[in-house]
Amino acid sequence: MDALKFISQYSHVSFESMWNYGNTYPYGVYLSDRENWIKWYEKNKCHNIQLIN
């Protein structure tokens, strides 16, 4: 969950889809979100992103 919170600072994460009985991340939704994360990464990978602890 921490990783998803981190990624959500930079790209969309479908947290609302995890509001189900099992509190799980549906695989189809994950694949859709992952595609957007990869697009975001490819677009921004050369912009000297700095991670602050």
Protein backbone atom coordinates (compact mmCIF):
# COMPACT_ATOMS: atom_id res chain seq x y z
CA MET A 1 0.00 0.00 0.00
CA ASP A 2 2.90 2.37 0.70
CA ALA A 3 4.15 1.94 -2.86
CA LEU A 4 0.72 2.86 -4.25
CA LYS A 5 0.57 5.96 -2.06
CA PHE A 6 4.00 6.96 -3.33
CA ILE A 7 3.09 6.42 -6.99
CA SER A 8 -0.16 8.35 -6.51
CA GLN A 9 1.90 11.50 -5.87
CA TYR A 10 2.95 11.40 -9.53
CA SER A 11 0.32 9.42 -11.45
CA HIS A 12 -3.26 8.24 -11.01
CA VAL A 13 -3.94 5.21 -8.80
CA SER A 14 -7.46 3.73 -8.71
CA PHE A 15 -7.82 3.57 -4.93
CA GLU A 16 -11.62 3.61 -5.25
CA SER A 17 -11.50 0.21 -6.96
CA MET A 18 -9.94 -1.28 -3.81
CA TRP A 19 -12.98 -0.42 -1.72
CA ASN A 20 -14.32 -3.95 -1.90
CA TYR A 21 -14.92 -6.70 0.63
CA GLY A 22 -11.45 -8.20 0.27
CA ASN A 23 -9.69 -4.81 0.14
CA THR A 24 -7.83 -6.09 -2.93
CA TYR A 25 -6.56 -4.37 -6.06
CA PRO A 26 -8.46 -5.96 -9.01
CA TYR A 27 -5.98 -7.29 -11.57
CA GLY A 28 -7.66 -5.64 -14.56
CA VAL A 29 -7.62 -2.25 -12.83
CA TYR A 30 -3.97 -2.79 -11.88
CA LEU A 31 -3.05 -3.49 -15.52
CA SER A 32 -4.83 -0.32 -16.64
CA ASP A 33 -3.14 1.78 -13.94
CA ARG A 34 0.23 0.17 -14.65
CA GLU A 35 -0.01 1.17 -18.30
CA ASN A 36 -0.50 4.80 -17.21
CA TRP A 37 2.40 4.57 -14.73
CA ILE A 38 4.71 3.31 -17.46
CA LYS A 39 3.62 6.11 -19.81
CA TRP A 40 4.25 8.65 -17.04
CA TYR A 41 7.67 7.15 -16.31
CA GLU A 42 8.71 7.16 -19.98
CA LYS A 43 7.59 10.79 -20.31
CA ASN A 44 9.39 11.96 -17.15
CA LYS A 45 12.41 9.69 -16.74
CA CYS A 46 14.89 12.28 -18.01
CA HIS A 47 13.64 15.19 -15.91
CA ASN A 48 15.91 14.49 -12.93
CA ILE A 49 13.19 13.31 -10.57
CA GLN A 50 14.56 13.49 -7.05
CA LEU A 51 13.10 11.43 -4.24
CA ILE A 52 13.08 13.16 -0.88
CA ASN A 53 12.96 10.91 2.17
